[in-house]
Amino acid sequence: MSMIDTMSAQRADRRFVQGAMAAPMLAREHELELARRWRENNDQAALHELVTSYLRLVVATAGRYRNYGLPMPDLVQEGMVGLMQAAARFEPERDVRFSTYAAWWIRSAMQDFVLRNWSIVRTGTTAAQKSLFFNLRRLRARIDGGRKQQMDDDDRAAIAQELDVGIADVIAMEHRLSASDQSLNAPVGLEGESVGQDFIADERPNPEEALADGHDSRTRTRWIASSLATLSEREQIIIRERRLREEGSTLEELGRKLGISKERVRQIEHRALQKLKNALLQRVKDPADEAILVGAFA
C-alpha cells in the first residue's frame, strides 16, 4: 500500500470514529421500539438506527484490545460483526438494555479475533485459557503495583484462585505470553549456517524400528487368531467383545446377550484369558519371541 493510500485509509478511519461518537444516544423506550420493529417487521431503517447508535460502543471496546498488536480497524470490524450478531439475537421482551446485551457480543467477537491472530500458535482454546489470556497481565500488574519482574509461587496461586484455574495453567500461560513466534527457518548462532528446524528431533520410529514393529504386530495377530480357536464359541464371543474391540462391551451387556449373569461373564472371561495365555505361551520357541508375546498382553 502506498503512502497516499495509507493516509487515505487513516482519514477514513478517523471519519468513522468521529461519526460513531456523534451518533445520538437512545432512550430506553426508543431502543426497545427499534428492536421490536427490526425483529417483528424486519425494518431495515430501525436496524440501521439501532446499530449506528452503538458504534461508539464498538470503538470504545476496540480501544481496550489495541495493545495486543492488532490493527484498530480490524478490531472495529470484528466488533461490528459482534454488534450485528447481537441485533439478530436480541429479544426486546426481556428486561435488558440492548447496549448491555450488545457489549457481550462485541467483546466476545474481539476476543476471538485476538486469540486467532495474536500468534500463529493456537491460544486460549478453553474457557480457562481464554480467561487467563485476557486477565493474567492485569492481575500480574496488580501484584505489588507491577514492580515485580517475576511472579513467585504465591502470586501464581493467588491468580489461580481468583480465576478458578489450576496453577499449572497459570504457569503455562505465563510462559506463553512471555514468548514470541519465531520462524523455524530463522538462522541460529553467530555464523547463521543452521536454522531452527535443524535442531528439532524426529520422534517417529526409524525405518528399522518401524519394520520390526510391523513384523511383531503381524506375528501377534497370527498367534492370537490361532489361539482363539482353542476356546469355546462362548469364550470367543466374550474375548472378542471385551478385549479385541476398540470400545469393549460391558459385563452387563454381554450377560444380556448371552442370557447369563454379569458375574458369570466375568468368570468365563477370566478362564478364557488363562486358556488363551497358555496357548500363546506354547508358541514361544525362541527367547527372542518373548518380547512379541509381551505385546500380546499389552
C-alpha atoms as a PDB file:
ATOM      1  CA  MET A   1       0.000   0.000   0.000  1.00  0.00           C
ATOM      2  CA  SER A   2       1.381   3.406  -0.978  1.00  0.00           C
ATOM      3  CA  MET A   3       1.767   6.309   1.435  1.00  0.00           C
ATOM      4  CA  ILE A   4      -1.187   8.077  -0.221  1.00  0.00           C
ATOM      5  CA  ASP A   5      -3.400   5.019   0.229  1.00  0.00           C
ATOM      6  CA  THR A   6      -2.295   4.708   3.851  1.00  0.00           C
ATOM      7  CA  MET A   7      -3.116   8.340   4.597  1.00  0.00           C
ATOM      8  CA  SER A   8      -6.485   7.974   2.855  1.00  0.00           C
ATOM      9  CA  ALA A   9      -7.298   4.904   4.944  1.00  0.00           C
ATOM     10  CA  GLN A  10      -6.317   6.721   8.127  1.00  0.00           C
ATOM     11  CA  ARG A  11      -8.590   9.647   7.271  1.00  0.00           C
ATOM     12  CA  ALA A  12     -11.455   7.239   6.577  1.00  0.00           C
ATOM     13  CA  ASP A  13     -10.879   5.573   9.961  1.00  0.00           C
ATOM     14  CA  ARG A  14     -10.945   8.960  11.706  1.00  0.00           C
ATOM     15  CA  ARG A  15     -14.187   9.902   9.959  1.00  0.00           C
ATOM     16  CA  PHE A  16     -15.741   6.605  11.032  1.00  0.00           C
ATOM     17  CA  VAL A  17     -14.755   7.142  14.661  1.00  0.00           C
ATOM     18  CA  GLN A  18     -15.998  10.734  14.619  1.00  0.00           C
ATOM     19  CA  GLY A  19     -19.293   9.620  13.082  1.00  0.00           C
ATOM     20  CA  ALA A  20     -19.687   6.866  15.655  1.00  0.00           C
ATOM     21  CA  MET A  21     -19.129   9.258  18.524  1.00  0.00           C
ATOM     22  CA  ALA A  22     -21.541  11.813  17.032  1.00  0.00           C
ATOM     23  CA  ALA A  23     -24.457   9.351  16.796  1.00  0.00           C
ATOM     24  CA  PRO A  24     -27.171  10.223  19.333  1.00  0.00           C
ATOM     25  CA  MET A  25     -27.744   8.034  22.377  1.00  0.00           C
ATOM     26  CA  LEU A  26     -31.054   6.169  22.501  1.00  0.00           C
ATOM     27  CA  ALA A  27     -33.625   6.384  25.243  1.00  0.00           C
ATOM     28  CA  ARG A  28     -34.682   3.022  26.647  1.00  0.00           C
ATOM     29  CA  GLU A  29     -38.191   3.194  25.197  1.00  0.00           C
ATOM     30  CA  HIS A  30     -36.997   4.201  21.725  1.00  0.00           C
ATOM     31  CA  GLU A  31     -34.329   1.500  21.786  1.00  0.00           C
ATOM     32  CA  LEU A  32     -36.944  -1.180  22.542  1.00  0.00           C
ATOM     33  CA  GLU A  33     -39.229   0.203  19.846  1.00  0.00           C
ATOM     34  CA  LEU A  34     -36.454  -0.054  17.245  1.00  0.00           C
ATOM     35  CA  ALA A  35     -35.611  -3.583  18.359  1.00  0.00           C
ATOM     36  CA  ARG A  36     -39.256  -4.663  18.042  1.00  0.00           C
ATOM     37  CA  ARG A  37     -39.604  -3.094  14.606  1.00  0.00           C
ATOM     38  CA  TRP A  38     -36.491  -4.904  13.433  1.00  0.00           C
ATOM     39  CA  ARG A  39     -37.396  -8.248  14.999  1.00  0.00           C
ATOM     40  CA  GLU A  40     -41.090  -8.313  14.134  1.00  0.00           C
ATOM     41  CA  ASN A  41     -41.195  -6.393  10.825  1.00  0.00           C
ATOM     42  CA  ASN A  42     -37.656  -6.749   9.500  1.00  0.00           C
ATOM     43  CA  ASP A  43     -37.464  -2.948   9.465  1.00  0.00           C
ATOM     44  CA  GLN A  44     -34.048  -2.139   7.962  1.00  0.00           C
ATOM     45  CA  ALA A  45     -34.268   1.537   8.928  1.00  0.00           C
ATOM     46  CA  ALA A  46     -34.822   0.547  12.563  1.00  0.00           C
ATOM     47  CA  LEU A  47     -31.834  -1.803  12.427  1.00  0.00           C
ATOM     48  CA  HIS A  48     -29.638   0.925  10.927  1.00  0.00           C
ATOM     49  CA  GLU A  49     -30.560   3.426  13.636  1.00  0.00           C
ATOM     50  CA  LEU A  50     -30.122   0.839  16.404  1.00  0.00           C
ATOM     51  CA  VAL A  51     -26.697  -0.280  15.199  1.00  0.00           C
ATOM     52  CA  THR A  52     -25.448   3.213  14.354  1.00  0.00           C
ATOM     53  CA  SER A  53     -26.273   4.431  17.847  1.00  0.00           C
ATOM     54  CA  TYR A  54     -23.964   1.845  19.394  1.00  0.00           C
ATOM     55  CA  LEU A  55     -20.982   2.162  17.071  1.00  0.00           C
ATOM     56  CA  ARG A  56     -19.389   4.175  19.886  1.00  0.00           C
ATOM     57  CA  LEU A  57     -19.530   1.005  22.000  1.00  0.00           C
ATOM     58  CA  VAL A  58     -17.605  -0.886  19.310  1.00  0.00           C
ATOM     59  CA  VAL A  59     -14.936   1.822  19.074  1.00  0.00           C
ATOM     60  CA  ALA A  60     -14.566   2.048  22.856  1.00  0.00           C
ATOM     61  CA  THR A  61     -14.222  -1.718  23.209  1.00  0.00           C
ATOM     62  CA  ALA A  62     -11.664  -1.887  20.383  1.00  0.00           C
ATOM     63  CA  GLY A  63      -9.545   0.612  22.293  1.00  0.00           C
ATOM     64  CA  ARG A  64      -9.252  -1.857  25.154  1.00  0.00           C
ATOM     65  CA  TYR A  65      -7.689  -4.513  22.916  1.00  0.00           C
ATOM     66  CA  ARG A  66      -5.351  -2.423  20.744  1.00  0.00           C
ATOM     67  CA  ASN A  67      -2.381  -3.287  22.998  1.00  0.00           C
ATOM     68  CA  TYR A  68      -2.355  -6.822  21.596  1.00  0.00           C
ATOM     69  CA  GLY A  69      -0.635  -5.522  18.457  1.00  0.00           C
ATOM     70  CA  LEU A  70      -3.560  -5.841  16.057  1.00  0.00           C
ATOM     71  CA  PRO A  71      -4.794  -3.026  13.781  1.00  0.00           C
ATOM     72  CA  MET A  72      -7.534  -0.894  15.291  1.00  0.00           C
ATOM     73  CA  PRO A  73      -9.663  -1.020  12.086  1.00  0.00           C
ATOM     74  CA  ASP A  74      -9.626  -4.823  12.186  1.00  0.00           C
ATOM     75  CA  LEU A  75     -10.748  -4.817  15.806  1.00  0.00           C
ATOM     76  CA  VAL A  76     -13.563  -2.401  14.963  1.00  0.00           C
ATOM     77  CA  GLN A  77     -14.612  -4.587  12.057  1.00  0.00           C
ATOM     78  CA  GLU A  78     -14.805  -7.659  14.275  1.00  0.00           C
ATOM     79  CA  GLY A  79     -16.733  -5.640  16.844  1.00  0.00           C
ATOM     80  CA  MET A  80     -19.221  -4.699  14.143  1.00  0.00           C
ATOM     81  CA  VAL A  81     -19.768  -8.400  13.469  1.00  0.00           C
ATOM     82  CA  GLY A  82     -20.492  -8.900  17.159  1.00  0.00           C
ATOM     83  CA  LEU A  83     -22.873  -5.917  17.147  1.00  0.00           C
ATOM     84  CA  MET A  84     -24.816  -7.350  14.204  1.00  0.00           C
ATOM     85  CA  GLN A  85     -24.987 -10.731  15.915  1.00  0.00           C
ATOM     86  CA  ALA A  86     -26.403  -9.040  18.991  1.00  0.00           C
ATOM     87  CA  ALA A  87     -29.040  -7.262  16.901  1.00  0.00           C
ATOM     88  CA  ALA A  88     -30.029 -10.563  15.287  1.00  0.00           C
ATOM     89  CA  ARG A  89     -30.425 -12.332  18.636  1.00  0.00           C
ATOM     90  CA  PHE A  90     -31.766  -9.583  20.896  1.00  0.00           C
ATOM     91  CA  GLU A  91     -35.178 -10.257  22.433  1.00  0.00           C
ATOM     92  CA  PRO A  92     -36.965  -6.982  23.293  1.00  0.00           C
ATOM     93  CA  GLU A  93     -39.367  -8.707  25.675  1.00  0.00           C
ATOM     94  CA  ARG A  94     -36.549  -9.427  28.088  1.00  0.00           C
ATOM     95  CA  ASP A  95     -35.928  -6.633  30.562  1.00  0.00           C
ATOM     96  CA  VAL A  96     -32.378  -5.919  29.348  1.00  0.00           C
ATOM     97  CA  ARG A  97     -30.962  -2.872  27.597  1.00  0.00           C
ATOM     98  CA  PHE A  98     -29.669  -3.554  24.102  1.00  0.00           C
ATOM     99  CA  SER A  99     -26.382  -1.840  24.967  1.00  0.00           C
ATOM    100  CA  THR A 100     -25.795  -4.297  27.823  1.00  0.00           C
ATOM    101  CA  TYR A 101     -26.603  -7.256  25.605  1.00  0.00           C
ATOM    102  CA  ALA A 102     -24.541  -5.988  22.670  1.00  0.00           C
ATOM    103  CA  ALA A 103     -21.488  -5.305  24.849  1.00  0.00           C
ATOM    104  CA  TRP A 104     -21.067  -9.046  25.495  1.00  0.00           C
ATOM    105  CA  TRP A 105     -21.260  -9.943  21.792  1.00  0.00           C
ATOM    106  CA  ILE A 106     -18.867  -7.157  20.785  1.00  0.00           C
ATOM    107  CA  ARG A 107     -16.319  -8.141  23.428  1.00  0.00           C
ATOM    108  CA  SER A 108     -16.612 -11.846  22.555  1.00  0.00           C
ATOM    109  CA  ALA A 109     -16.085 -11.181  18.827  1.00  0.00           C
ATOM    110  CA  MET A 110     -12.975  -9.090  19.500  1.00  0.00           C
ATOM    111  CA  GLN A 111     -11.528 -11.599  21.962  1.00  0.00           C
ATOM    112  CA  ASP A 112     -11.942 -14.430  19.466  1.00  0.00           C
ATOM    113  CA  PHE A 113     -10.251 -12.285  16.809  1.00  0.00           C
ATOM    114  CA  VAL A 114      -7.326 -11.511  19.137  1.00  0.00           C
ATOM    115  CA  LEU A 115      -6.899 -15.182  20.035  1.00  0.00           C
ATOM    116  CA  ARG A 116      -6.944 -16.210  16.360  1.00  0.00           C
ATOM    117  CA  ASN A 117      -4.394 -13.614  15.269  1.00  0.00           C
ATOM    118  CA  TRP A 118      -2.167 -12.853  18.255  1.00  0.00           C
ATOM    119  CA  SER A 119       0.036 -15.827  17.439  1.00  0.00           C
ATOM    120  CA  ILE A 120       0.308 -18.495  14.762  1.00  0.00           C
ATOM    121  CA  VAL A 121       0.083 -20.995  17.629  1.00  0.00           C
ATOM    122  CA  ARG A 122      -3.499 -21.594  18.771  1.00  0.00           C
ATOM    123  CA  THR A 123      -4.054 -19.861  22.112  1.00  0.00           C
ATOM    124  CA  GLY A 124      -6.981 -19.888  24.529  1.00  0.00           C
ATOM    125  CA  THR A 125      -8.825 -22.965  23.272  1.00  0.00           C
ATOM    126  CA  THR A 126     -10.643 -23.484  26.579  1.00  0.00           C
ATOM    127  CA  ALA A 127     -12.636 -21.115  28.779  1.00  0.00           C
ATOM    128  CA  ALA A 128      -9.908 -21.257  31.455  1.00  0.00           C
ATOM    129  CA  GLN A 129      -7.148 -20.431  28.954  1.00  0.00           C
ATOM    130  CA  LYS A 130      -9.204 -17.596  27.482  1.00  0.00           C
ATOM    131  CA  SER A 131      -9.759 -16.124  30.941  1.00  0.00           C
ATOM    132  CA  LEU A 132      -6.044 -16.396  31.697  1.00  0.00           C
ATOM    133  CA  PHE A 133      -5.010 -14.808  28.402  1.00  0.00           C
ATOM    134  CA  PHE A 134      -7.073 -11.678  28.929  1.00  0.00           C
ATOM    135  CA  ASN A 135      -6.635 -11.328  32.712  1.00  0.00           C
ATOM    136  CA  LEU A 136      -3.132 -12.550  33.550  1.00  0.00           C
ATOM    137  CA  ARG A 137      -1.372  -9.290  32.653  1.00  0.00           C
ATOM    138  CA  ARG A 138      -3.904  -7.216  34.568  1.00  0.00           C
ATOM    139  CA  LEU A 139      -3.643  -9.372  37.690  1.00  0.00           C
ATOM    140  CA  ARG A 140       0.117  -9.541  37.435  1.00  0.00           C
ATOM    141  CA  ALA A 141       0.332  -5.745  37.227  1.00  0.00           C
ATOM    142  CA  ARG A 142      -1.798  -5.527  40.363  1.00  0.00           C
ATOM    143  CA  ILE A 143       0.702  -7.613  42.334  1.00  0.00           C
ATOM    144  CA  ASP A 144       2.995  -5.276  44.245  1.00  0.00           C
ATOM    145  CA  GLY A 145       1.986  -2.430  41.955  1.00  0.00           C
ATOM    146  CA  GLY A 146       3.590  -4.159  38.964  1.00  0.00           C
ATOM    147  CA  ARG A 147       7.118  -3.665  40.384  1.00  0.00           C
ATOM    148  CA  LYS A 148       7.946  -7.383  40.438  1.00  0.00           C
ATOM    149  CA  GLN A 149       9.932  -8.681  37.478  1.00  0.00           C
ATOM    150  CA  GLN A 150       8.905 -12.289  38.086  1.00  0.00           C
ATOM    151  CA  MET A 151       5.956 -13.872  39.875  1.00  0.00           C
ATOM    152  CA  ASP A 152       6.601 -16.352  42.656  1.00  0.00           C
ATOM    153  CA  ASP A 153       4.551 -19.414  43.609  1.00  0.00           C
ATOM    154  CA  ASP A 154       2.343 -17.419  45.986  1.00  0.00           C
ATOM    155  CA  ASP A 155       1.499 -14.932  43.233  1.00  0.00           C
ATOM    156  CA  ARG A 156       0.593 -17.727  40.828  1.00  0.00           C
ATOM    157  CA  ALA A 157      -1.521 -19.438  43.468  1.00  0.00           C
ATOM    158  CA  ALA A 158      -3.414 -16.191  44.136  1.00  0.00           C
ATOM    159  CA  ILE A 159      -4.125 -15.691  40.428  1.00  0.00           C
ATOM    160  CA  ALA A 160      -5.198 -19.316  40.029  1.00  0.00           C
ATOM    161  CA  GLN A 161      -7.617 -18.942  42.928  1.00  0.00           C
ATOM    162  CA  GLU A 162      -9.106 -15.693  41.623  1.00  0.00           C
ATOM    163  CA  LEU A 163      -9.659 -17.058  38.116  1.00  0.00           C
ATOM    164  CA  ASP A 164     -10.612 -20.552  39.319  1.00  0.00           C
ATOM    165  CA  VAL A 165      -7.948 -22.315  37.247  1.00  0.00           C
ATOM    166  CA  GLY A 166      -5.041 -24.618  38.043  1.00  0.00           C
ATOM    167  CA  ILE A 167      -1.600 -23.302  38.964  1.00  0.00           C
ATOM    168  CA  ALA A 168      -0.180 -25.325  36.063  1.00  0.00           C
ATOM    169  CA  ASP A 169      -2.469 -23.374  33.708  1.00  0.00           C
ATOM    170  CA  VAL A 170      -1.153 -20.080  35.109  1.00  0.00           C
ATOM    171  CA  ILE A 171       2.466 -21.178  34.621  1.00  0.00           C
ATOM    172  CA  ALA A 172       1.810 -22.378  31.072  1.00  0.00           C
ATOM    173  CA  MET A 173       0.097 -19.130  30.066  1.00  0.00           C
ATOM    174  CA  GLU A 174       2.823 -17.064  31.759  1.00  0.00           C
ATOM    175  CA  HIS A 175       5.431 -18.785  29.590  1.00  0.00           C
ATOM    176  CA  ARG A 176       3.217 -18.484  26.510  1.00  0.00           C
ATOM    177  CA  LEU A 177       2.774 -14.716  26.925  1.00  0.00           C
ATOM    178  CA  SER A 178       6.461 -14.132  27.572  1.00  0.00           C
ATOM    179  CA  ALA A 179       7.482 -15.902  24.355  1.00  0.00           C
ATOM    180  CA  SER A 180       7.185 -14.712  20.785  1.00  0.00           C
ATOM    181  CA  ASP A 181       6.706 -16.511  17.488  1.00  0.00           C
ATOM    182  CA  GLN A 182       9.944 -17.366  15.715  1.00  0.00           C
ATOM    183  CA  SER A 183      10.411 -18.819  12.266  1.00  0.00           C
ATOM    184  CA  LEU A 184      11.869 -22.317  12.081  1.00  0.00           C
ATOM    185  CA  ASN A 185      13.853 -21.052   9.110  1.00  0.00           C
ATOM    186  CA  ALA A 186      15.499 -18.256  11.107  1.00  0.00           C
ATOM    187  CA  PRO A 187      19.336 -18.576  11.343  1.00  0.00           C
ATOM    188  CA  VAL A 188      20.714 -19.869  14.634  1.00  0.00           C
ATOM    189  CA  GLY A 189      24.096 -18.941  16.079  1.00  0.00           C
ATOM    190  CA  LEU A 190      26.668 -16.331  15.167  1.00  0.00           C
ATOM    191  CA  GLU A 191      27.589 -17.913  11.859  1.00  0.00           C
ATOM    192  CA  GLY A 192      23.976 -18.408  10.843  1.00  0.00           C
ATOM    193  CA  GLU A 193      24.723 -21.635   8.977  1.00  0.00           C
ATOM    194  CA  SER A 194      21.969 -23.586  10.746  1.00  0.00           C
ATOM    195  CA  VAL A 195      18.273 -22.839  11.136  1.00  0.00           C
ATOM    196  CA  GLY A 196      15.874 -23.648  13.950  1.00  0.00           C
ATOM    197  CA  GLN A 197      14.293 -26.662  12.299  1.00  0.00           C
ATOM    198  CA  ASP A 198      17.705 -28.373  12.131  1.00  0.00           C
ATOM    199  CA  PHE A 199      17.548 -28.902  15.904  1.00  0.00           C
ATOM    200  CA  ILE A 200      14.039 -30.426  16.057  1.00  0.00           C
ATOM    201  CA  ALA A 201      14.262 -34.140  16.734  1.00  0.00           C
ATOM    202  CA  ASP A 202      12.107 -36.513  14.700  1.00  0.00           C
ATOM    203  CA  GLU A 203      10.302 -38.622  17.318  1.00  0.00           C
ATOM    204  CA  ARG A 204       8.857 -41.047  14.787  1.00  0.00           C
ATOM    205  CA  PRO A 205      10.311 -44.591  14.668  1.00  0.00           C
ATOM    206  CA  ASN A 206      13.219 -45.003  12.295  1.00  0.00           C
ATOM    207  CA  PRO A 207      12.764 -47.394   9.315  1.00  0.00           C
ATOM    208  CA  GLU A 208      14.357 -50.308  11.180  1.00  0.00           C
ATOM    209  CA  GLU A 209      12.087 -49.836  14.213  1.00  0.00           C
ATOM    210  CA  ALA A 210       9.010 -49.422  12.014  1.00  0.00           C
ATOM    211  CA  LEU A 211       9.839 -52.658  10.161  1.00  0.00           C
ATOM    212  CA  ALA A 212      10.371 -54.555  13.428  1.00  0.00           C
ATOM    213  CA  ASP A 213       7.138 -53.210  14.932  1.00  0.00           C
ATOM    214  CA  GLY A 214       5.207 -54.216  11.828  1.00  0.00           C
ATOM    215  CA  HIS A 215       6.669 -57.725  11.935  1.00  0.00           C
ATOM    216  CA  ASP A 216       5.852 -58.103  15.638  1.00  0.00           C
ATOM    217  CA  SER A 217       2.307 -56.847  15.109  1.00  0.00           C
ATOM    218  CA  ARG A 218       1.639 -59.320  12.283  1.00  0.00           C
ATOM    219  CA  THR A 219       3.125 -62.154  14.352  1.00  0.00           C
ATOM    220  CA  ARG A 220       0.924 -61.338  17.367  1.00  0.00           C
ATOM    221  CA  THR A 221      -2.142 -61.191  15.126  1.00  0.00           C
ATOM    222  CA  ARG A 222      -1.436 -64.691  13.775  1.00  0.00           C
ATOM    223  CA  TRP A 223      -0.762 -66.089  17.226  1.00  0.00           C
ATOM    224  CA  ILE A 224      -3.931 -64.631  18.714  1.00  0.00           C
ATOM    225  CA  ALA A 225      -6.092 -65.791  15.807  1.00  0.00           C
ATOM    226  CA  SER A 226      -4.848 -69.377  16.071  1.00  0.00           C
ATOM    227  CA  SER A 227      -5.018 -69.391  19.889  1.00  0.00           C
ATOM    228  CA  LEU A 228      -8.617 -68.144  19.852  1.00  0.00           C
ATOM    229  CA  ALA A 229      -9.531 -71.343  18.004  1.00  0.00           C
ATOM    230  CA  THR A 230      -8.758 -73.298  21.186  1.00  0.00           C
ATOM    231  CA  LEU A 231     -11.596 -71.515  23.039  1.00  0.00           C
ATOM    232  CA  SER A 232     -15.256 -72.437  23.053  1.00  0.00           C
ATOM    233  CA  GLU A 233     -17.713 -70.388  20.993  1.00  0.00           C
ATOM    234  CA  ARG A 234     -18.982 -68.529  24.055  1.00  0.00           C
ATOM    235  CA  GLU A 235     -15.457 -67.844  25.290  1.00  0.00           C
ATOM    236  CA  GLN A 236     -14.500 -66.479  21.857  1.00  0.00           C
ATOM    237  CA  ILE A 237     -17.509 -64.147  21.864  1.00  0.00           C
ATOM    238  CA  ILE A 238     -16.621 -62.783  25.293  1.00  0.00           C
ATOM    239  CA  ILE A 239     -12.906 -62.278  24.462  1.00  0.00           C
ATOM    240  CA  ARG A 240     -13.668 -60.625  21.120  1.00  0.00           C
ATOM    241  CA  GLU A 241     -16.328 -58.333  22.601  1.00  0.00           C
ATOM    242  CA  ARG A 242     -14.367 -57.458  25.742  1.00  0.00           C
ATOM    243  CA  ARG A 243     -10.720 -57.460  24.635  1.00  0.00           C
ATOM    244  CA  LEU A 244     -10.434 -57.187  20.865  1.00  0.00           C
ATOM    245  CA  ARG A 245     -12.709 -54.234  20.181  1.00  0.00           C
ATOM    246  CA  GLU A 246     -11.782 -50.561  20.484  1.00  0.00           C
ATOM    247  CA  GLU A 247     -14.760 -49.983  22.781  1.00  0.00           C
ATOM    248  CA  GLY A 248     -15.349 -53.224  24.629  1.00  0.00           C
ATOM    249  CA  SER A 249     -18.780 -54.343  25.780  1.00  0.00           C
ATOM    250  CA  THR A 250     -19.618 -54.262  29.483  1.00  0.00           C
ATOM    251  CA  LEU A 251     -20.187 -57.396  31.537  1.00  0.00           C
ATOM    252  CA  GLU A 252     -23.834 -56.447  31.842  1.00  0.00           C
ATOM    253  CA  GLU A 253     -24.280 -56.032  28.069  1.00  0.00           C
ATOM    254  CA  LEU A 254     -22.692 -59.404  27.356  1.00  0.00           C
ATOM    255  CA  GLY A 255     -24.755 -61.027  30.103  1.00  0.00           C
ATOM    256  CA  ARG A 256     -27.967 -59.871  28.443  1.00  0.00           C
ATOM    257  CA  LYS A 257     -26.712 -61.008  25.033  1.00  0.00           C
ATOM    258  CA  LEU A 258     -25.730 -64.495  26.257  1.00  0.00           C
ATOM    259  CA  GLY A 259     -28.561 -64.920  28.740  1.00  0.00           C
ATOM    260  CA  ILE A 260     -26.320 -65.223  31.800  1.00  0.00           C
ATOM    261  CA  SER A 261     -25.411 -63.020  34.757  1.00  0.00           C
ATOM    262  CA  LYS A 262     -22.609 -60.470  34.513  1.00  0.00           C
ATOM    263  CA  GLU A 263     -20.749 -62.345  37.257  1.00  0.00           C
ATOM    264  CA  ARG A 264     -20.861 -65.483  35.132  1.00  0.00           C
ATOM    265  CA  VAL A 265     -19.489 -63.468  32.184  1.00  0.00           C
ATOM    266  CA  ARG A 266     -16.609 -62.304  34.378  1.00  0.00           C
ATOM    267  CA  GLN A 267     -15.826 -65.898  35.414  1.00  0.00           C
ATOM    268  CA  ILE A 268     -15.858 -67.142  31.810  1.00  0.00           C
ATOM    269  CA  GLU A 269     -13.685 -64.223  30.712  1.00  0.00           C
ATOM    270  CA  HIS A 270     -11.118 -64.960  33.422  1.00  0.00           C
ATOM    271  CA  ARG A 271     -10.982 -68.640  32.462  1.00  0.00           C
ATOM    272  CA  ALA A 272     -10.784 -67.833  28.741  1.00  0.00           C
ATOM    273  CA  LEU A 273      -7.924 -65.380  29.236  1.00  0.00           C
ATOM    274  CA  GLN A 274      -5.943 -68.010  31.125  1.00  0.00           C
ATOM    275  CA  LYS A 275      -6.535 -70.588  28.370  1.00  0.00           C
ATOM    276  CA  LEU A 276      -5.548 -68.018  25.741  1.00  0.00           C
ATOM    277  CA  LYS A 277      -2.372 -67.138  27.618  1.00  0.00           C
ATOM    278  CA  ASN A 278      -1.381 -70.796  27.924  1.00  0.00           C
ATOM    279  CA  ALA A 279      -1.989 -71.341  24.201  1.00  0.00           C
ATOM    280  CA  LEU A 280       0.188 -68.336  23.357  1.00  0.00           C
ATOM    281  CA  LEU A 281       2.979 -69.451  25.697  1.00  0.00           C
ATOM    282  CA  GLN A 282       3.187 -72.739  23.861  1.00  0.00           C
ATOM    283  CA  ARG A 283       4.116 -70.831  20.722  1.00  0.00           C
ATOM    284  CA  VAL A 284       7.263 -69.327  22.203  1.00  0.00           C
ATOM    285  CA  LYS A 285      10.052 -71.395  20.676  1.00  0.00           C
ATOM    286  CA  ASP A 286      12.772 -68.753  20.874  1.00  0.00           C
ATOM    287  CA  PRO A 287      13.638 -66.446  23.797  1.00  0.00           C
ATOM    288  CA  ALA A 288      13.569 -63.574  21.288  1.00  0.00           C
ATOM    289  CA  ASP A 289       9.855 -64.227  20.792  1.00  0.00           C
ATOM    290  CA  GLU A 290       9.113 -63.334  24.422  1.00  0.00           C
ATOM    291  CA  ALA A 291       9.114 -59.604  23.584  1.00  0.00           C
ATOM    292  CA  ILE A 292       6.491 -60.223  20.922  1.00  0.00           C
ATOM    293  CA  LEU A 293       4.403 -62.196  23.383  1.00  0.00           C
ATOM    294  CA  VAL A 294       4.526 -59.376  25.937  1.00  0.00           C
ATOM    295  CA  GLY A 295       2.869 -57.158  23.330  1.00  0.00           C
ATOM    296  CA  ALA A 296       0.025 -59.633  23.006  1.00  0.00           C
ATOM    297  CA  PHE A 297      -0.992 -58.914  26.622  1.00  0.00           C
ATOM    298  CA  ALA A 298      -0.411 -55.133  26.489  1.00  0.00           C
END
